[in-house]
């Protein structure tokens, strides 16, 4: 992202949207926990995505106030390429598990999450440092 004022304003606006989204997520989660018969501890599951939204939103807003752009086009292209490749490999892992039953049924979703994170990290290291 270049240092143009319109890009800086868009970055700051996106940061405010992320912070507002975190607040809406927490408020909606509180309403759902209050209305349904879920235990109150299930509300803690929303803290992870909400804290991620707040972190990146605050980062974008504070960089916008300092008139600094957070990323450039090369970084965005790198993460897009890594994300697409990791997504297709994760789909292959899920398909292979469905066909050959590699992971036990009880821990399959956890195995999918960790394999997806591992694939993303491996592709990121490969494209950033080795290619």
N, C-alpha and C. Protein backbone atom coordinates (compact mmCIF):
# COMPACT_ATOMS: atom_id res chain seq x y z
N UNK A 1 0.86 -1.17 0.00
CA UNK A 1 0.00 0.00 0.00
C UNK A 1 0.90 1.22 0.00
N UNK A 2 0.60 2.14 -0.85
CA UNK A 2 1.43 3.33 -0.94
C UNK A 2 1.02 4.34 0.12
N UNK A 3 1.80 5.37 0.23
CA UNK A 3 1.61 6.38 1.26
C UNK A 3 0.63 7.48 0.83
N UNK A 4 -0.22 7.21 -0.14
CA UNK A 4 -1.20 8.20 -0.57
C UNK A 4 -2.21 8.46 0.53
N UNK A 5 -2.70 9.70 0.65
CA UNK A 5 -3.67 10.00 1.71
C UNK A 5 -4.95 9.17 1.61
N UNK A 6 -5.39 8.85 0.40
CA UNK A 6 -6.61 8.03 0.28
C UNK A 6 -6.37 6.62 0.80
N UNK A 7 -5.19 6.07 0.55
CA UNK A 7 -4.89 4.74 1.06
C UNK A 7 -4.76 4.73 2.58
N UNK A 8 -4.17 5.79 3.12
CA UNK A 8 -4.04 5.89 4.57
C UNK A 8 -5.41 5.99 5.22
N UNK A 9 -6.29 6.79 4.63
CA UNK A 9 -7.65 6.92 5.16
C UNK A 9 -8.42 5.61 5.06
N UNK A 10 -8.25 4.89 3.97
CA UNK A 10 -8.91 3.59 3.81
C UNK A 10 -8.39 2.61 4.85
N UNK A 11 -7.11 2.65 5.09
CA UNK A 11 -6.50 1.77 6.10
C UNK A 11 -7.07 2.08 7.48
N UNK A 12 -7.19 3.37 7.80
CA UNK A 12 -7.72 3.77 9.10
C UNK A 12 -9.20 3.38 9.22
N UNK A 13 -9.95 3.56 8.14
CA UNK A 13 -11.36 3.19 8.13
C UNK A 13 -11.53 1.68 8.32
N UNK A 14 -10.68 0.89 7.66
CA UNK A 14 -10.74 -0.56 7.83
C UNK A 14 -10.42 -0.96 9.27
N UNK A 15 -9.52 -0.23 9.90
CA UNK A 15 -9.20 -0.50 11.30
C UNK A 15 -10.39 -0.24 12.21
N UNK A 16 -11.10 0.86 11.97
CA UNK A 16 -12.29 1.14 12.76
C UNK A 16 -13.37 0.09 12.53
N UNK A 17 -13.49 -0.38 11.29
CA UNK A 17 -14.48 -1.42 10.99
C UNK A 17 -14.14 -2.71 11.73
N UNK A 18 -12.85 -3.05 11.80
CA UNK A 18 -12.45 -4.26 12.52
C UNK A 18 -12.74 -4.13 14.01
N UNK A 19 -12.47 -2.97 14.59
CA UNK A 19 -12.74 -2.78 16.01
C UNK A 19 -14.24 -2.83 16.28
N UNK A 20 -15.03 -2.21 15.41
CA UNK A 20 -16.48 -2.27 15.57
C UNK A 20 -16.99 -3.69 15.38
N UNK A 21 -16.39 -4.43 14.46
CA UNK A 21 -16.78 -5.82 14.25
C UNK A 21 -16.50 -6.67 15.48
N UNK A 22 -15.40 -6.40 16.16
CA UNK A 22 -15.10 -7.13 17.39
C UNK A 22 -16.13 -6.83 18.47
N UNK A 23 -16.53 -5.56 18.57
CA UNK A 23 -17.54 -5.19 19.56
C UNK A 23 -18.88 -5.85 19.25
N UNK A 24 -19.26 -5.86 17.97
CA UNK A 24 -20.51 -6.50 17.57
C UNK A 24 -20.45 -8.00 17.82
N UNK A 25 -19.31 -8.60 17.54
CA UNK A 25 -19.13 -10.03 17.78
C UNK A 25 -19.30 -10.37 19.26
N UNK A 26 -18.68 -9.59 20.12
CA UNK A 26 -18.79 -9.84 21.55
C UNK A 26 -20.21 -9.59 22.06
N UNK A 27 -20.83 -8.53 21.57
CA UNK A 27 -22.20 -8.23 21.97
C UNK A 27 -23.16 -9.32 21.50
N UNK A 28 -23.01 -9.75 20.26
CA UNK A 28 -23.85 -10.83 19.74
C UNK A 28 -23.63 -12.13 20.48
N UNK A 29 -22.38 -12.41 20.82
CA UNK A 29 -22.09 -13.62 21.59
C UNK A 29 -22.72 -13.58 22.98
N UNK A 30 -22.69 -12.41 23.60
CA UNK A 30 -23.30 -12.27 24.93
C UNK A 30 -24.81 -12.47 24.84
N UNK A 31 -25.43 -11.96 23.79
CA UNK A 31 -26.87 -12.14 23.61
C UNK A 31 -27.20 -13.61 23.38
N UNK A 32 -26.42 -14.28 22.54
CA UNK A 32 -26.67 -15.69 22.25
C UNK A 32 -26.49 -16.54 23.50
N UNK A 33 -25.45 -16.29 24.27
CA UNK A 33 -25.23 -17.05 25.50
C UNK A 33 -26.35 -16.76 26.50
N UNK A 34 -26.82 -15.52 26.55
CA UNK A 34 -27.90 -15.17 27.47
C UNK A 34 -29.23 -15.77 27.08
N UNK A 35 -29.52 -15.85 25.79
CA UNK A 35 -30.81 -16.35 25.33
C UNK A 35 -30.84 -17.88 25.31
N UNK A 36 -29.77 -18.49 24.87
CA UNK A 36 -29.76 -19.94 24.74
C UNK A 36 -29.34 -20.60 26.06
N UNK A 37 -29.29 -21.89 26.03
CA UNK A 37 -28.93 -22.63 27.24
C UNK A 37 -27.45 -22.99 27.27
N UNK A 38 -26.63 -22.22 26.57
CA UNK A 38 -25.19 -22.48 26.58
C UNK A 38 -24.59 -22.07 27.92
N UNK A 39 -23.57 -22.77 28.36
CA UNK A 39 -22.91 -22.34 29.60
C UNK A 39 -22.15 -21.04 29.35
N UNK A 40 -22.04 -20.21 30.37
CA UNK A 40 -21.36 -18.92 30.18
C UNK A 40 -19.90 -19.03 29.76
N UNK A 41 -19.26 -20.16 30.06
CA UNK A 41 -17.86 -20.33 29.67
C UNK A 41 -17.72 -20.42 28.15
N UNK A 42 -18.79 -20.73 27.44
CA UNK A 42 -18.70 -20.80 25.98
C UNK A 42 -18.48 -19.42 25.36
N UNK A 43 -18.73 -18.37 26.12
CA UNK A 43 -18.47 -17.02 25.63
C UNK A 43 -16.99 -16.78 25.40
N UNK A 44 -16.13 -17.51 26.13
CA UNK A 44 -14.69 -17.33 25.98
C UNK A 44 -14.20 -17.74 24.60
N UNK A 45 -14.95 -18.56 23.89
CA UNK A 45 -14.57 -18.93 22.53
C UNK A 45 -14.58 -17.74 21.58
N UNK A 46 -15.33 -16.72 21.90
CA UNK A 46 -15.38 -15.52 21.06
C UNK A 46 -14.23 -14.56 21.34
N UNK A 47 -13.54 -14.76 22.43
CA UNK A 47 -12.46 -13.83 22.76
C UNK A 47 -11.29 -13.92 21.80
N UNK A 48 -11.03 -15.09 21.25
CA UNK A 48 -9.90 -15.23 20.32
C UNK A 48 -10.14 -14.44 19.04
N UNK A 49 -11.26 -14.67 18.30
CA UNK A 49 -11.44 -13.86 17.09
C UNK A 49 -11.63 -12.37 17.39
N UNK A 50 -12.28 -12.05 18.51
CA UNK A 50 -12.47 -10.64 18.84
C UNK A 50 -11.14 -9.97 19.16
N UNK A 51 -10.26 -10.67 19.88
CA UNK A 51 -8.97 -10.06 20.19
C UNK A 51 -8.10 -9.92 18.94
N UNK A 52 -8.22 -10.85 18.00
CA UNK A 52 -7.49 -10.71 16.74
C UNK A 52 -8.00 -9.50 15.97
N UNK A 53 -9.31 -9.32 15.92
CA UNK A 53 -9.88 -8.16 15.24
C UNK A 53 -9.44 -6.86 15.91
N UNK A 54 -9.46 -6.83 17.23
CA UNK A 54 -9.04 -5.62 17.94
C UNK A 54 -7.56 -5.33 17.69
N UNK A 55 -6.73 -6.37 17.71
CA UNK A 55 -5.30 -6.16 17.49
C UNK A 55 -5.03 -5.57 16.12
N UNK A 56 -5.57 -6.20 15.07
CA UNK A 56 -5.30 -5.70 13.73
C UNK A 56 -6.00 -4.36 13.47
N UNK A 57 -7.16 -4.16 14.07
CA UNK A 57 -7.84 -2.88 13.93
C UNK A 57 -7.06 -1.75 14.58
N UNK A 58 -6.58 -1.99 15.80
CA UNK A 58 -5.78 -0.97 16.49
C UNK A 58 -4.49 -0.69 15.73
N UNK A 59 -3.89 -1.74 15.21
CA UNK A 59 -2.65 -1.58 14.44
C UNK A 59 -2.89 -0.70 13.21
N UNK A 60 -4.00 -0.93 12.52
CA UNK A 60 -4.30 -0.13 11.33
C UNK A 60 -4.64 1.31 11.69
N UNK A 61 -5.39 1.51 12.76
CA UNK A 61 -5.77 2.87 13.16
C UNK A 61 -4.55 3.65 13.63
N UNK A 62 -3.70 3.02 14.45
CA UNK A 62 -2.54 3.76 14.95
C UNK A 62 -1.54 4.06 13.83
N UNK A 63 -1.39 3.15 12.88
CA UNK A 63 -0.51 3.44 11.74
C UNK A 63 -1.13 4.53 10.87
N UNK A 64 -2.45 4.56 10.76
CA UNK A 64 -3.11 5.61 9.99
C UNK A 64 -2.95 6.97 10.63
N UNK A 65 -2.96 7.01 11.96
CA UNK A 65 -2.76 8.28 12.65
C UNK A 65 -1.35 8.81 12.45
N UNK A 66 -0.39 7.89 12.34
CA UNK A 66 1.00 8.29 12.10
C UNK A 66 1.30 8.49 10.62
N UNK A 67 0.29 8.35 9.79
CA UNK A 67 0.42 8.50 8.33
C UNK A 67 1.43 7.52 7.74
N UNK A 68 1.37 6.26 8.21
CA UNK A 68 2.23 5.22 7.67
C UNK A 68 1.36 4.12 7.08
N UNK A 69 1.78 3.60 5.95
CA UNK A 69 1.08 2.47 5.35
C UNK A 69 1.60 1.18 5.98
N UNK A 70 0.70 0.24 6.21
CA UNK A 70 1.09 -1.01 6.87
C UNK A 70 1.76 -2.00 5.93
N UNK A 71 1.24 -2.16 4.75
CA UNK A 71 1.78 -3.18 3.86
C UNK A 71 1.98 -2.64 2.47
N UNK A 72 2.74 -3.36 1.70
CA UNK A 72 2.92 -2.98 0.32
C UNK A 72 2.32 -4.06 -0.57
N UNK A 73 2.39 -3.84 -1.86
CA UNK A 73 1.76 -4.75 -2.80
C UNK A 73 2.46 -6.10 -2.83
N UNK A 74 3.77 -6.11 -2.63
CA UNK A 74 4.51 -7.39 -2.64
C UNK A 74 4.10 -8.27 -1.47
N UNK A 75 3.92 -7.68 -0.30
CA UNK A 75 3.51 -8.46 0.86
C UNK A 75 2.11 -9.01 0.68
N UNK A 76 1.21 -8.19 0.15
CA UNK A 76 -0.15 -8.66 -0.10
C UNK A 76 -0.16 -9.79 -1.12
N UNK A 77 0.66 -9.68 -2.15
CA UNK A 77 0.73 -10.73 -3.16
C UNK A 77 1.30 -12.02 -2.57
N UNK A 78 2.32 -11.89 -1.72
CA UNK A 78 2.92 -13.05 -1.08
C UNK A 78 1.91 -13.79 -0.21
N UNK A 79 1.19 -13.06 0.63
CA UNK A 79 0.23 -13.70 1.52
C UNK A 79 -0.95 -14.28 0.74
N UNK A 80 -1.33 -13.64 -0.34
CA UNK A 80 -2.38 -14.20 -1.19
C UNK A 80 -1.96 -15.51 -1.82
N UNK A 81 -0.75 -15.55 -2.32
CA UNK A 81 -0.22 -16.77 -2.94
C UNK A 81 -0.09 -17.89 -1.92
N UNK A 82 0.43 -17.57 -0.74
CA UNK A 82 0.58 -18.56 0.32
C UNK A 82 -0.78 -19.07 0.77
N UNK A 83 -1.73 -18.17 0.94
CA UNK A 83 -3.06 -18.57 1.39
C UNK A 83 -3.77 -19.48 0.41
N UNK A 84 -3.68 -19.18 -0.87
CA UNK A 84 -4.33 -20.01 -1.88
C UNK A 84 -3.70 -21.40 -1.92
N UNK A 85 -2.38 -21.47 -1.90
CA UNK A 85 -1.72 -22.77 -1.94
C UNK A 85 -2.01 -23.59 -0.68
N UNK A 86 -1.98 -22.95 0.48
CA UNK A 86 -2.28 -23.67 1.72
C UNK A 86 -3.73 -24.13 1.74
N UNK A 87 -4.64 -23.34 1.20
CA UNK A 87 -6.05 -23.73 1.14
C UNK A 87 -6.23 -24.98 0.29
N UNK A 88 -5.61 -25.02 -0.87
CA UNK A 88 -5.77 -26.19 -1.74
C UNK A 88 -5.12 -27.42 -1.13
N UNK A 89 -4.00 -27.26 -0.46
CA UNK A 89 -3.37 -28.40 0.19
C UNK A 89 -4.21 -28.88 1.37
N UNK A 90 -4.85 -27.97 2.09
CA UNK A 90 -5.74 -28.36 3.18
C UNK A 90 -6.94 -29.13 2.64
N UNK A 91 -7.49 -28.69 1.53
CA UNK A 91 -8.58 -29.45 0.91
C UNK A 91 -8.12 -30.84 0.51
N UNK A 92 -6.88 -30.96 0.03
CA UNK A 92 -6.34 -32.27 -0.30
C UNK A 92 -6.22 -33.14 0.94
N UNK A 93 -5.78 -32.57 2.06
CA UNK A 93 -5.67 -33.33 3.31
C UNK A 93 -7.05 -33.81 3.76
N UNK A 94 -8.05 -32.95 3.67
CA UNK A 94 -9.41 -33.33 4.07
C UNK A 94 -9.95 -34.41 3.15
N UNK A 95 -9.71 -34.29 1.85
CA UNK A 95 -10.15 -35.30 0.89
C UNK A 95 -9.45 -36.63 1.15
N UNK A 96 -8.14 -36.59 1.39
CA UNK A 96 -7.39 -37.82 1.66
C UNK A 96 -7.87 -38.47 2.96
N UNK A 97 -8.18 -37.66 3.97
CA UNK A 97 -8.68 -38.22 5.21
C UNK A 97 -10.07 -38.82 5.03
N UNK A 98 -10.90 -38.19 4.22
CA UNK A 98 -12.22 -38.75 3.95
C UNK A 98 -12.15 -40.05 3.18
N UNK A 99 -11.16 -40.18 2.33
CA UNK A 99 -11.02 -41.39 1.52
C UNK A 99 -10.34 -42.52 2.29
N UNK A 100 -9.25 -42.20 2.98
CA UNK A 100 -8.43 -43.25 3.60
C UNK A 100 -8.53 -43.30 5.12
N UNK A 101 -9.28 -42.41 5.75
CA UNK A 101 -9.45 -42.36 7.21
C UNK A 101 -8.09 -42.32 7.92
N UNK A 102 -7.32 -41.29 7.62
CA UNK A 102 -5.98 -41.13 8.20
C UNK A 102 -6.07 -40.70 9.67
N UNK A 103 -6.89 -39.72 9.96
CA UNK A 103 -7.03 -39.20 11.31
C UNK A 103 -8.21 -39.88 12.00
N UNK A 104 -8.14 -40.07 13.33
CA UNK A 104 -9.30 -40.62 14.03
C UNK A 104 -10.45 -39.61 14.01
N UNK A 105 -11.67 -40.11 14.03
CA UNK A 105 -12.85 -39.24 13.92
C UNK A 105 -12.93 -38.21 15.04
N UNK A 106 -12.49 -38.57 16.24
CA UNK A 106 -12.62 -37.65 17.38
C UNK A 106 -11.74 -36.42 17.23
N UNK A 107 -10.56 -36.58 16.66
CA UNK A 107 -9.63 -35.46 16.57
C UNK A 107 -9.41 -34.95 15.17
N UNK A 108 -10.33 -35.26 14.26
CA UNK A 108 -10.12 -34.88 12.86
C UNK A 108 -10.13 -33.37 12.67
N UNK A 109 -11.06 -32.68 13.32
CA UNK A 109 -11.12 -31.22 13.11
C UNK A 109 -9.87 -30.54 13.69
N UNK A 110 -9.38 -31.03 14.81
CA UNK A 110 -8.15 -30.47 15.37
C UNK A 110 -6.97 -30.74 14.46
N UNK A 111 -6.93 -31.94 13.90
CA UNK A 111 -5.85 -32.27 12.97
C UNK A 111 -5.92 -31.40 11.72
N UNK A 112 -7.13 -31.10 11.26
CA UNK A 112 -7.29 -30.23 10.09
C UNK A 112 -6.77 -28.83 10.40
N UNK A 113 -7.10 -28.32 11.58
CA UNK A 113 -6.66 -26.97 11.95
C UNK A 113 -5.14 -26.90 12.01
N UNK A 114 -4.54 -27.87 12.69
CA UNK A 114 -3.08 -27.84 12.82
C UNK A 114 -2.37 -28.10 11.49
N UNK A 115 -2.94 -28.97 10.67
CA UNK A 115 -2.31 -29.19 9.36
C UNK A 115 -2.45 -27.96 8.48
N UNK A 116 -3.58 -27.25 8.56
CA UNK A 116 -3.74 -26.01 7.81
C UNK A 116 -2.76 -24.95 8.25
N UNK A 117 -2.58 -24.80 9.56
CA UNK A 117 -1.62 -23.83 10.07
C UNK A 117 -0.19 -24.21 9.68
N UNK A 118 0.12 -25.51 9.75
CA UNK A 118 1.45 -25.95 9.36
C UNK A 118 1.70 -25.70 7.88
N UNK A 119 0.71 -26.01 7.04
CA UNK A 119 0.87 -25.78 5.60
C UNK A 119 1.05 -24.30 5.30
N UNK A 120 0.28 -23.45 5.96
CA UNK A 120 0.42 -22.01 5.74
C UNK A 120 1.82 -21.54 6.13
N UNK A 121 2.28 -21.98 7.29
CA UNK A 121 3.62 -21.59 7.74
C UNK A 121 4.71 -22.12 6.82
N UNK A 122 4.56 -23.36 6.36
CA UNK A 122 5.56 -23.94 5.47
C UNK A 122 5.61 -23.20 4.14
N UNK A 123 4.44 -22.90 3.58
CA UNK A 123 4.42 -22.14 2.32
C UNK A 123 4.97 -20.73 2.51
N UNK A 124 4.68 -20.11 3.65
CA UNK A 124 5.19 -18.76 3.90
C UNK A 124 6.71 -18.77 3.98
N UNK A 125 7.27 -19.73 4.69
CA UNK A 125 8.74 -19.83 4.77
C UNK A 125 9.32 -20.11 3.39
N UNK A 126 8.68 -20.99 2.64
CA UNK A 126 9.20 -21.34 1.32
C UNK A 126 9.20 -20.13 0.39
N UNK A 127 8.06 -19.45 0.29
CA UNK A 127 7.97 -18.34 -0.67
C UNK A 127 8.75 -17.11 -0.22
N UNK A 128 8.87 -16.90 1.08
CA UNK A 128 9.56 -15.70 1.55
C UNK A 128 11.08 -15.88 1.55
N UNK A 129 11.56 -17.05 1.97
CA UNK A 129 12.99 -17.20 2.20
C UNK A 129 13.70 -18.11 1.20
N UNK A 130 13.01 -19.07 0.63
CA UNK A 130 13.68 -20.04 -0.22
C UNK A 130 13.52 -19.78 -1.70
N UNK A 131 12.38 -19.24 -2.10
CA UNK A 131 12.16 -19.02 -3.53
C UNK A 131 12.82 -17.74 -3.99
